[in-house]
C-alpha atoms as a PDB file:
ATOM      1  CA  MET A   1     -83.431 120.880-126.367  1.00  0.00           C
ATOM      2  CA  SER A   2     -85.284 117.754-125.113  1.00  0.00           C
ATOM      3  CA  GLN A   3     -85.188 114.612-127.464  1.00  0.00           C
ATOM      4  CA  ASN A   4     -87.749 111.981-128.060  1.00  0.00           C
ATOM      5  CA  THR A   5     -87.634 109.032-130.263  1.00  0.00           C
ATOM      6  CA  LEU A   6     -89.089 110.709-133.264  1.00  0.00           C
ATOM      7  CA  ILE A   7     -89.691 114.271-132.939  1.00  0.00           C
ATOM      8  CA  ASN A   8     -87.015 116.611-131.188  1.00  0.00           C
ATOM      9  CA  PHE A   9     -88.704 119.473-129.284  1.00  0.00           C
ATOM     10  CA  GLN A  10     -86.839 122.976-128.303  1.00  0.00           C
ATOM     11  CA  GLN A  11     -87.863 126.207-126.861  1.00  0.00           C
ATOM     12  CA  GLU A  12     -86.320 129.666-127.907  1.00  0.00           C
ATOM     13  CA  ASN A  13     -87.622 133.146-126.399  1.00  0.00           C
ATOM     14  CA  GLY A  14     -91.135 131.674-126.562  1.00  0.00           C
ATOM     15  CA  ILE A  15     -90.746 129.954-130.147  1.00  0.00           C
ATOM     16  CA  ALA A  16     -91.322 126.157-129.964  1.00  0.00           C
ATOM     17  CA  VAL A  17     -90.007 124.056-132.316  1.00  0.00           C
ATOM     18  CA  LEU A  18     -90.868 120.959-133.475  1.00  0.00           C
ATOM     19  CA  THR A  19     -88.705 118.574-135.453  1.00  0.00           C
ATOM     20  CA  LEU A  20     -89.542 115.399-137.026  1.00  0.00           C
ATOM     21  CA  ASN A  21     -87.083 112.805-136.777  1.00  0.00           C
ATOM     22  CA  ARG A  22     -87.103 110.250-138.542  1.00  0.00           C
ATOM     23  CA  PRO A  23     -84.882 110.924-141.694  1.00  0.00           C
ATOM     24  CA  GLU A  24     -84.085 107.540-143.259  1.00  0.00           C
ATOM     25  CA  LYS A  25     -88.070 107.567-143.732  1.00  0.00           C
ATOM     26  CA  ARG A  26     -88.075 111.194-145.085  1.00  0.00           C
ATOM     27  CA  ASN A  27     -90.001 112.013-141.396  1.00  0.00           C
ATOM     28  CA  ALA A  28     -93.177 109.664-142.662  1.00  0.00           C
ATOM     29  CA  MET A  29     -95.589 109.832-140.280  1.00  0.00           C
ATOM     30  CA  SER A  30     -96.363 106.286-137.999  1.00  0.00           C
ATOM     31  CA  ASP A  31     -98.699 105.467-135.321  1.00  0.00           C
ATOM     32  CA  ALA A  32     -95.327 106.191-133.157  1.00  0.00           C
ATOM     33  CA  MET A  33     -95.005 109.459-134.344  1.00  0.00           C
ATOM     34  CA  ARG A  34     -98.625 110.419-134.412  1.00  0.00           C
ATOM     35  CA  ALA A  35     -98.637 109.871-131.068  1.00  0.00           C
ATOM     36  CA  GLU A  36     -95.882 111.975-129.803  1.00  0.00           C
ATOM     37  CA  LEU A  37     -97.179 114.678-131.980  1.00  0.00           C
ATOM     38  CA  VAL A  38    -100.000 114.440-130.299  1.00  0.00           C
ATOM     39  CA  GLN A  39     -99.040 114.542-126.390  1.00  0.00           C
ATOM     40  CA  LEU A  40     -96.375 117.569-127.518  1.00  0.00           C
ATOM     41  CA  LEU A  41     -99.036 119.621-128.822  1.00  0.00           C
ATOM     42  CA  GLU A  42    -101.388 119.066-126.096  1.00  0.00           C
ATOM     43  CA  LYS A  43     -98.801 120.042-123.712  1.00  0.00           C
ATOM     44  CA  LEU A  44     -98.461 123.189-125.451  1.00  0.00           C
ATOM     45  CA  ARG A  45    -101.837 124.307-125.699  1.00  0.00           C
ATOM     46  CA  SER A  46    -101.654 125.018-121.985  1.00  0.00           C
ATOM     47  CA  ASP A  47     -98.519 126.373-122.388  1.00  0.00           C
ATOM     48  CA  ARG A  48     -98.872 129.946-121.768  1.00  0.00           C
ATOM     49  CA  SER A  49     -95.113 130.463-121.816  1.00  0.00           C
ATOM     50  CA  VAL A  50     -94.831 129.730-125.405  1.00  0.00           C
ATOM     51  CA  ARG A  51     -96.673 132.287-128.222  1.00  0.00           C
ATOM     52  CA  ALA A  52     -95.438 130.246-131.387  1.00  0.00           C
ATOM     53  CA  LEU A  53     -94.599 127.158-132.866  1.00  0.00           C
ATOM     54  CA  ILE A  54     -93.293 125.996-135.720  1.00  0.00           C
ATOM     55  CA  ILE A  55     -92.964 122.309-137.274  1.00  0.00           C
ATOM     56  CA  THR A  56     -90.225 121.406-139.711  1.00  0.00           C
ATOM     57  CA  GLY A  57     -88.288 118.086-140.522  1.00  0.00           C
ATOM     58  CA  THR A  58     -84.776 116.843-139.816  1.00  0.00           C
ATOM     59  CA  GLY A  59     -82.831 115.557-143.009  1.00  0.00           C
ATOM     60  CA  LYS A  60     -84.003 115.984-146.970  1.00  0.00           C
ATOM     61  CA  GLY A  61     -87.744 115.617-146.180  1.00  0.00           C
ATOM     62  CA  PHE A  62     -90.476 117.406-144.483  1.00  0.00           C
ATOM     63  CA  CYS A  63     -93.031 114.454-144.225  1.00  0.00           C
ATOM     64  CA  ALA A  64     -93.099 111.913-147.074  1.00  0.00           C
ATOM     65  CA  GLY A  65     -96.733 110.570-145.135  1.00  0.00           C
ATOM     66  CA  GLY A  66     -98.008 108.102-144.282  1.00  0.00           C
ATOM     67  CA  ASP A  67     -95.453 105.349-142.803  1.00  0.00           C
ATOM     68  CA  ILE A  68     -95.159 102.397-145.584  1.00  0.00           C
ATOM     69  CA  ALA A  69     -94.745  99.601-143.237  1.00  0.00           C
ATOM     70  CA  GLY A  70     -98.465 100.210-141.698  1.00  0.00           C
ATOM     71  CA  MET A  71     -99.893 100.180-145.063  1.00  0.00           C
ATOM     72  CA  LYS A  72     -97.799  96.729-145.696  1.00  0.00           C
ATOM     73  CA  ALA A  73     -99.522  95.529-142.422  1.00  0.00           C
ATOM     74  CA  ARG A  74    -103.077  97.138-143.481  1.00  0.00           C
ATOM     75  CA  MET A  75    -102.560  94.964-146.420  1.00  0.00           C
ATOM     76  CA  GLU A  76    -101.720  91.609-144.503  1.00  0.00           C
ATOM     77  CA  ALA A  77    -104.429  92.222-141.676  1.00  0.00           C
ATOM     78  CA  ASP A  78    -107.877  90.208-141.400  1.00  0.00           C
ATOM     79  CA  PRO A  79    -110.225  92.326-144.114  1.00  0.00           C
ATOM     80  CA  ALA A  80    -113.068  91.014-141.162  1.00  0.00           C
ATOM     81  CA  VAL A  81    -110.554  94.031-139.338  1.00  0.00           C
ATOM     82  CA  VAL A  82    -109.770  96.379-141.904  1.00  0.00           C
ATOM     83  CA  GLY A  83    -112.589  98.977-141.676  1.00  0.00           C
ATOM     84  CA  PHE A  84    -112.756  99.683-138.479  1.00  0.00           C
ATOM     85  CA  ASN A  85    -109.417  99.292-137.897  1.00  0.00           C
ATOM     86  CA  GLY A  86    -108.960 102.122-140.313  1.00  0.00           C
ATOM     87  CA  TRP A  87    -112.063 104.140-138.460  1.00  0.00           C
ATOM     88  CA  GLU A  88    -110.190 104.135-135.480  1.00  0.00           C
ATOM     89  CA  ARG A  89    -106.771 105.020-136.683  1.00  0.00           C
ATOM     90  CA  GLN A  90    -108.664 107.875-138.760  1.00  0.00           C
ATOM     91  CA  GLN A  91    -109.861 109.482-135.043  1.00  0.00           C
ATOM     92  CA  GLY A  92    -106.108 109.891-134.247  1.00  0.00           C
ATOM     93  CA  VAL A  93    -105.312 111.164-137.436  1.00  0.00           C
ATOM     94  CA  HIS A  94    -108.118 114.047-137.224  1.00  0.00           C
ATOM     95  CA  TYR A  95    -107.373 114.826-133.625  1.00  0.00           C
ATOM     96  CA  ALA A  96    -103.973 115.407-134.249  1.00  0.00           C
ATOM     97  CA  ALA A  97    -104.930 117.878-137.785  1.00  0.00           C
ATOM     98  CA  SER A  98    -107.459 119.689-135.547  1.00  0.00           C
ATOM     99  CA  LEU A  99    -104.653 120.101-132.203  1.00  0.00           C
ATOM    100  CA  LEU A 100    -102.863 121.655-134.626  1.00  0.00           C
ATOM    101  CA  LEU A 101    -105.488 123.738-136.077  1.00  0.00           C
ATOM    102  CA  ASN A 102    -106.918 125.155-132.722  1.00  0.00           C
ATOM    103  CA  LEU A 103    -103.480 125.609-130.805  1.00  0.00           C
ATOM    104  CA  PRO A 104    -104.151 129.215-129.201  1.00  0.00           C
ATOM    105  CA  ILE A 105    -100.762 130.495-130.630  1.00  0.00           C
ATOM    106  CA  PRO A 106     -99.485 131.030-134.459  1.00  0.00           C
ATOM    107  CA  THR A 107     -98.290 128.009-135.819  1.00  0.00           C
ATOM    108  CA  ILE A 108     -95.745 127.737-138.750  1.00  0.00           C
ATOM    109  CA  ALA A 109     -94.733 124.912-141.323  1.00  0.00           C
ATOM    110  CA  ALA A 110     -91.281 125.479-142.090  1.00  0.00           C
ATOM    111  CA  VAL A 111     -91.326 123.097-145.203  1.00  0.00           C
ATOM    112  CA  ASN A 112     -87.436 122.138-145.987  1.00  0.00           C
ATOM    113  CA  GLY A 113     -88.061 119.080-148.302  1.00  0.00           C
ATOM    114  CA  ALA A 114     -90.886 116.872-149.558  1.00  0.00           C
ATOM    115  CA  ALA A 115     -94.557 117.017-148.063  1.00  0.00           C
ATOM    116  CA  ALA A 116     -96.360 114.047-149.491  1.00  0.00           C
ATOM    117  CA  GLY A 117     -99.993 113.490-148.746  1.00  0.00           C
ATOM    118  CA  LEU A 118    -100.076 113.671-144.684  1.00  0.00           C
ATOM    119  CA  GLY A 119     -96.804 115.614-145.034  1.00  0.00           C
ATOM    120  CA  ALA A 120     -98.656 118.140-147.232  1.00  0.00           C
ATOM    121  CA  ASP A 121    -101.953 118.408-145.739  1.00  0.00           C
ATOM    122  CA  LEU A 122     -99.580 118.465-142.072  1.00  0.00           C
ATOM    123  CA  ALA A 123     -98.160 121.512-143.512  1.00  0.00           C
ATOM    124  CA  LEU A 124    -102.009 123.142-144.131  1.00  0.00           C
ATOM    125  CA  SER A 125    -102.699 122.483-140.874  1.00  0.00           C
ATOM    126  CA  CYS A 126    -100.729 125.499-139.656  1.00  0.00           C
ATOM    127  CA  ASP A 127    -101.924 129.169-140.220  1.00  0.00           C
ATOM    128  CA  PHE A 128     -98.424 130.077-141.852  1.00  0.00           C
ATOM    129  CA  VAL A 129     -96.126 127.535-144.398  1.00  0.00           C
ATOM    130  CA  VAL A 130     -92.698 128.869-144.913  1.00  0.00           C
ATOM    131  CA  ALA A 131     -90.770 126.842-147.652  1.00  0.00           C
ATOM    132  CA  ALA A 132     -87.715 126.259-148.610  1.00  0.00           C
ATOM    133  CA  ARG A 133     -86.676 125.994-152.640  1.00  0.00           C
ATOM    134  CA  PRO A 134     -85.681 122.224-152.652  1.00  0.00           C
ATOM    135  CA  ALA A 135     -89.406 121.791-150.819  1.00  0.00           C
ATOM    136  CA  THR A 136     -92.341 120.152-153.042  1.00  0.00           C
ATOM    137  CA  PHE A 137     -95.724 119.709-152.250  1.00  0.00           C
ATOM    138  CA  THR A 138     -98.095 116.553-152.898  1.00  0.00           C
ATOM    139  CA  TRP A 139    -101.256 115.368-153.206  1.00  0.00           C
ATOM    140  CA  ALA A 140    -100.745 111.496-154.173  1.00  0.00           C
ATOM    141  CA  TYR A 141    -103.651 109.634-152.141  1.00  0.00           C
ATOM    142  CA  ILE A 142    -105.765 108.767-155.618  1.00  0.00           C
ATOM    143  CA  ALA A 143    -103.159 107.152-156.795  1.00  0.00           C
ATOM    144  CA  ARG A 144    -103.241 104.614-154.278  1.00  0.00           C
ATOM    145  CA  GLY A 145    -107.088 104.763-154.151  1.00  0.00           C
ATOM    146  CA  LEU A 146    -107.286 106.731-151.272  1.00  0.00           C
ATOM    147  CA  ILE A 147    -108.849 110.149-150.697  1.00  0.00           C
ATOM    148  CA  PRO A 148    -106.650 112.949-148.545  1.00  0.00           C
ATOM    149  CA  ASP A 149    -107.284 112.130-145.352  1.00  0.00           C
ATOM    150  CA  GLY A 150    -105.267 114.396-142.546  1.00  0.00           C
ATOM    151  CA  GLY A 151    -107.097 117.505-143.696  1.00  0.00           C
ATOM    152  CA  GLY A 152    -106.738 118.411-147.379  1.00  0.00           C
ATOM    153  CA  LEU A 153    -109.926 118.004-148.493  1.00  0.00           C
ATOM    154  CA  TYR A 154    -110.971 120.929-145.433  1.00  0.00           C
ATOM    155  CA  PHE A 155    -106.985 123.085-145.806  1.00  0.00           C
ATOM    156  CA  LEU A 156    -106.409 123.180-149.370  1.00  0.00           C
ATOM    157  CA  PRO A 157    -109.587 124.383-151.369  1.00  0.00           C
ATOM    158  CA  ARG A 158    -109.455 127.762-148.217  1.00  0.00           C
ATOM    159  CA  ARG A 159    -105.639 128.031-149.914  1.00  0.00           C
ATOM    160  CA  VAL A 160    -105.710 127.703-153.284  1.00  0.00           C
ATOM    161  CA  GLY A 161    -109.761 127.804-154.561  1.00  0.00           C
ATOM    162  CA  LEU A 162    -112.340 124.758-155.131  1.00  0.00           C
ATOM    163  CA  ALA A 163    -111.298 124.617-158.668  1.00  0.00           C
ATOM    164  CA  ARG A 164    -107.196 124.074-158.205  1.00  0.00           C
ATOM    165  CA  ALA A 165    -107.541 122.082-154.767  1.00  0.00           C
ATOM    166  CA  LYS A 166    -109.353 119.486-157.204  1.00  0.00           C
ATOM    167  CA  ALA A 167    -106.640 119.603-159.920  1.00  0.00           C
ATOM    168  CA  LEU A 168    -104.200 118.698-157.357  1.00  0.00           C
ATOM    169  CA  ILE A 169    -106.046 116.111-155.472  1.00  0.00           C
ATOM    170  CA  PHE A 170    -107.030 114.567-158.588  1.00  0.00           C
ATOM    171  CA  SER A 171    -103.760 114.420-160.680  1.00  0.00           C
ATOM    172  CA  GLY A 172    -101.357 114.007-157.396  1.00  0.00           C
ATOM    173  CA  ARG A 173     -99.259 116.155-159.204  1.00  0.00           C
ATOM    174  CA  ARG A 174     -95.644 117.601-157.669  1.00  0.00           C
ATOM    175  CA  VAL A 175     -95.995 121.091-157.217  1.00  0.00           C
ATOM    176  CA  ALA A 176     -91.903 123.240-156.657  1.00  0.00           C
ATOM    177  CA  ALA A 177     -92.316 125.416-154.144  1.00  0.00           C
ATOM    178  CA  GLU A 178     -92.109 128.475-156.407  1.00  0.00           C
ATOM    179  CA  GLU A 179     -95.187 127.696-157.626  1.00  0.00           C
ATOM    180  CA  ALA A 180     -96.304 126.450-154.023  1.00  0.00           C
ATOM    181  CA  LEU A 181     -96.449 130.410-153.431  1.00  0.00           C
ATOM    182  CA  GLU A 182     -97.829 131.575-156.492  1.00  0.00           C
ATOM    183  CA  LEU A 183    -100.624 129.116-155.752  1.00  0.00           C
ATOM    184  CA  GLY A 184    -101.194 130.191-152.128  1.00  0.00           C
ATOM    185  CA  ILE A 185    -100.640 126.995-150.947  1.00  0.00           C
ATOM    186  CA  ALA A 186     -97.161 128.749-149.389  1.00  0.00           C
ATOM    187  CA  ASP A 187     -96.921 132.026-148.022  1.00  0.00           C
ATOM    188  CA  ARG A 188     -93.324 132.956-148.049  1.00  0.00           C
ATOM    189  CA  LEU A 189     -90.135 131.003-150.156  1.00  0.00           C
ATOM    190  CA  CYS A 190     -86.505 131.333-148.595  1.00  0.00           C
ATOM    191  CA  GLU A 191     -83.317 129.586-149.424  1.00  0.00           C
ATOM    192  CA  ALA A 192     -82.522 126.261-147.588  1.00  0.00           C
ATOM    193  CA  ASP A 193     -79.841 127.606-145.587  1.00  0.00           C
ATOM    194  CA  ASP A 194     -82.092 130.437-144.316  1.00  0.00           C
ATOM    195  CA  LEU A 195     -85.419 128.293-143.415  1.00  0.00           C
ATOM    196  CA  LEU A 196     -85.528 128.424-139.877  1.00  0.00           C
ATOM    197  CA  SER A 197     -84.033 132.018-139.331  1.00  0.00           C
ATOM    198  CA  THR A 198     -87.075 133.395-141.366  1.00  0.00           C
ATOM    199  CA  ALA A 199     -89.743 130.823-139.755  1.00  0.00           C
ATOM    200  CA  MET A 200     -88.485 132.254-136.768  1.00  0.00           C
ATOM    201  CA  ALA A 201     -88.500 135.473-137.898  1.00  0.00           C
ATOM    202  CA  MET A 202     -92.179 135.124-139.086  1.00  0.00           C
ATOM    203  CA  ALA A 203     -92.781 133.393-135.832  1.00  0.00           C
ATOM    204  CA  ASP A 204     -91.868 136.323-133.515  1.00  0.00           C
ATOM    205  CA  GLU A 205     -93.596 138.731-136.317  1.00  0.00           C
ATOM    206  CA  MET A 206     -96.575 136.955-135.635  1.00  0.00           C
ATOM    207  CA  SER A 207     -96.510 136.772-132.016  1.00  0.00           C
ATOM    208  CA  ARG A 208     -95.970 140.365-130.688  1.00  0.00           C
ATOM    209  CA  GLY A 209     -99.244 140.953-129.537  1.00  0.00           C
ATOM    210  CA  SER A 210    -101.787 139.891-126.838  1.00  0.00           C
ATOM    211  CA  ARG A 211    -102.050 135.895-126.731  1.00  0.00           C
ATOM    212  CA  THR A 212    -105.475 136.412-125.235  1.00  0.00           C
ATOM    213  CA  ALA A 213    -106.603 138.207-127.986  1.00  0.00           C
ATOM    214  CA  THR A 214    -104.221 136.037-131.054  1.00  0.00           C
ATOM    215  CA  ALA A 215    -106.057 133.269-129.365  1.00  0.00           C
ATOM    216  CA  LEU A 216    -109.615 134.576-129.921  1.00  0.00           C
ATOM    217  CA  THR A 217    -109.297 135.907-132.838  1.00  0.00           C
ATOM    218  CA  LYS A 218    -108.079 132.230-134.539  1.00  0.00           C
ATOM    219  CA  SER A 219    -111.155 130.325-132.904  1.00  0.00           C
ATOM    220  CA  ILE A 220    -113.601 132.368-134.885  1.00  0.00           C
ATOM    221  CA  ILE A 221    -111.484 133.066-138.257  1.00  0.00           C
ATOM    222  CA  ASN A 222    -110.320 129.220-138.289  1.00  0.00           C
ATOM    223  CA  ARG A 223    -114.772 128.719-138.582  1.00  0.00           C
ATOM    224  CA  SER A 224    -115.646 131.924-140.382  1.00  0.00           C
ATOM    225  CA  TYR A 225    -116.177 130.147-143.903  1.00  0.00           C
ATOM    226  CA  GLU A 226    -118.660 128.078-142.506  1.00  0.00           C
ATOM    227  CA  MET A 227    -120.488 131.024-140.560  1.00  0.00           C
ATOM    228  CA  THR A 228    -122.688 133.461-141.560  1.00  0.00           C
ATOM    229  CA  GLU A 229    -121.790 137.193-140.769  1.00  0.00           C
ATOM    230  CA  GLN A 230    -124.078 137.207-137.822  1.00  0.00           C
ATOM    231  CA  GLN A 231    -122.666 134.274-136.421  1.00  0.00           C
ATOM    232  CA  VAL A 232    -119.093 135.512-136.602  1.00  0.00           C
ATOM    233  CA  PHE A 233    -120.337 139.197-135.092  1.00  0.00           C
ATOM    234  CA  ALA A 234    -121.751 137.454-132.121  1.00  0.00           C
ATOM    235  CA  GLU A 235    -118.721 135.220-131.733  1.00  0.00           C
ATOM    236  CA  GLY A 236    -116.559 138.202-131.892  1.00  0.00           C
ATOM    237  CA  SER A 237    -119.121 139.967-129.667  1.00  0.00           C
ATOM    238  CA  LYS A 238    -118.515 137.939-127.048  1.00  0.00           C
ATOM    239  CA  ALA A 239    -114.027 137.310-127.389  1.00  0.00           C
ATOM    240  CA  GLN A 240    -114.547 141.033-127.321  1.00  0.00           C
ATOM    241  CA  GLY A 241    -116.104 141.187-123.780  1.00  0.00           C
ATOM    242  CA  ILE A 242    -113.010 138.861-122.670  1.00  0.00           C
ATOM    243  CA  CYS A 243    -110.145 141.598-124.257  1.00  0.00           C
ATOM    244  CA  TYR A 244    -112.084 144.260-122.206  1.00  0.00           C
ATOM    245  CA  THR A 245    -111.105 141.972-119.076  1.00  0.00           C
ATOM    246  CA  SER A 246    -107.699 140.993-120.530  1.00  0.00           C
ATOM    247  CA  ARG A 247    -104.395 142.269-118.838  1.00  0.00           C
ATOM    248  CA  GLU A 248    -102.625 143.079-122.328  1.00  0.00           C
ATOM    249  CA  HIS A 249    -105.696 145.202-123.196  1.00  0.00           C
ATOM    250  CA  ARG A 250    -105.557 147.052-119.852  1.00  0.00           C
ATOM    251  CA  ALA A 251    -102.012 147.619-119.857  1.00  0.00           C
ATOM    252  CA  SER A 252    -101.941 148.720-123.630  1.00  0.00           C
ATOM    253  CA  VAL A 253    -104.672 151.265-123.065  1.00  0.00           C
ATOM    254  CA  GLN A 254    -102.749 152.242-119.398  1.00  0.00           C
ATOM    255  CA  ALA A 255     -99.446 152.382-121.701  1.00  0.00           C
ATOM    256  CA  PHE A 256    -101.466 154.507-123.698  1.00  0.00           C
ATOM    257  CA  LEU A 257    -103.027 157.327-121.436  1.00  0.00           C
ATOM    258  CA  ASP A 258     -99.846 157.216-119.955  1.00  0.00           C
ATOM    259  CA  SER A 259     -98.136 158.678-123.054  1.00  0.00           C
ATOM    260  CA  THR A 260    -100.843 161.009-124.344  1.00  0.00           C
ATOM    261  CA  LYS A 261    -100.110 162.747-120.432  1.00  0.00           C
ATOM    262  CA  GLU A 262     -96.320 162.877-121.128  1.00  0.00           C
ATOM    263  CA  ALA A 263     -97.101 164.732-124.385  1.00  0.00           C
ATOM    264  CA  ASP A 264     -99.327 167.205-123.090  1.00  0.00           C
ATOM    265  CA  LYS A 265     -96.929 168.432-121.026  1.00  0.00           C
END
């Protein structure tokens, strides 16, 4: 395990685990933590030894959202620069969410406790969400006079539907783990002690196939709601052409052909 200041990193059998490590702040996302997250995601994007990623939190919380210290600094800043500084900060927030969304491997949020605001958005930036029974989810941005800015406006409607997404965001109410599973916010529910093992098993299950085919499929399906069927077909044709030449496909076909030869003997 390598241990950064704010995010711990470990890798086992091709599965990487990033653990947010500010338990005294319930892993609230500071600018420094986000910088570490971006650095690690950029590294993982090109590391072909990694076949899946899990993100979880240290302590009782998954991620409590934005750092209160940053909010306080914004209140005390010169109003003449708040707007541009906010825009600039948002570019970093969205870059981190985009990196995670488009990582060419399966990604799993192992939500151990409260996932609030940016923390809930971070979880939904992953392909799958495993929730421990103490986990909760809330999008309480509007209560603070803000809009969901970590990807929630994009991810949540795709998880629960438009009307339910509006209701969760407008009310800012807390969703317990059992209801999160019912609504489709979470994909699996488990006991707290089983969270990491459940996430690891899911990561293994979702990453057994061709890494090339998985990456190409993910690149298309992530955008499929915004495309027509003809655009999906066109993107699929190009991706399949690449798959035909991949080592994984050729090895799989050869293994199948060899097995049929043995069966014919």
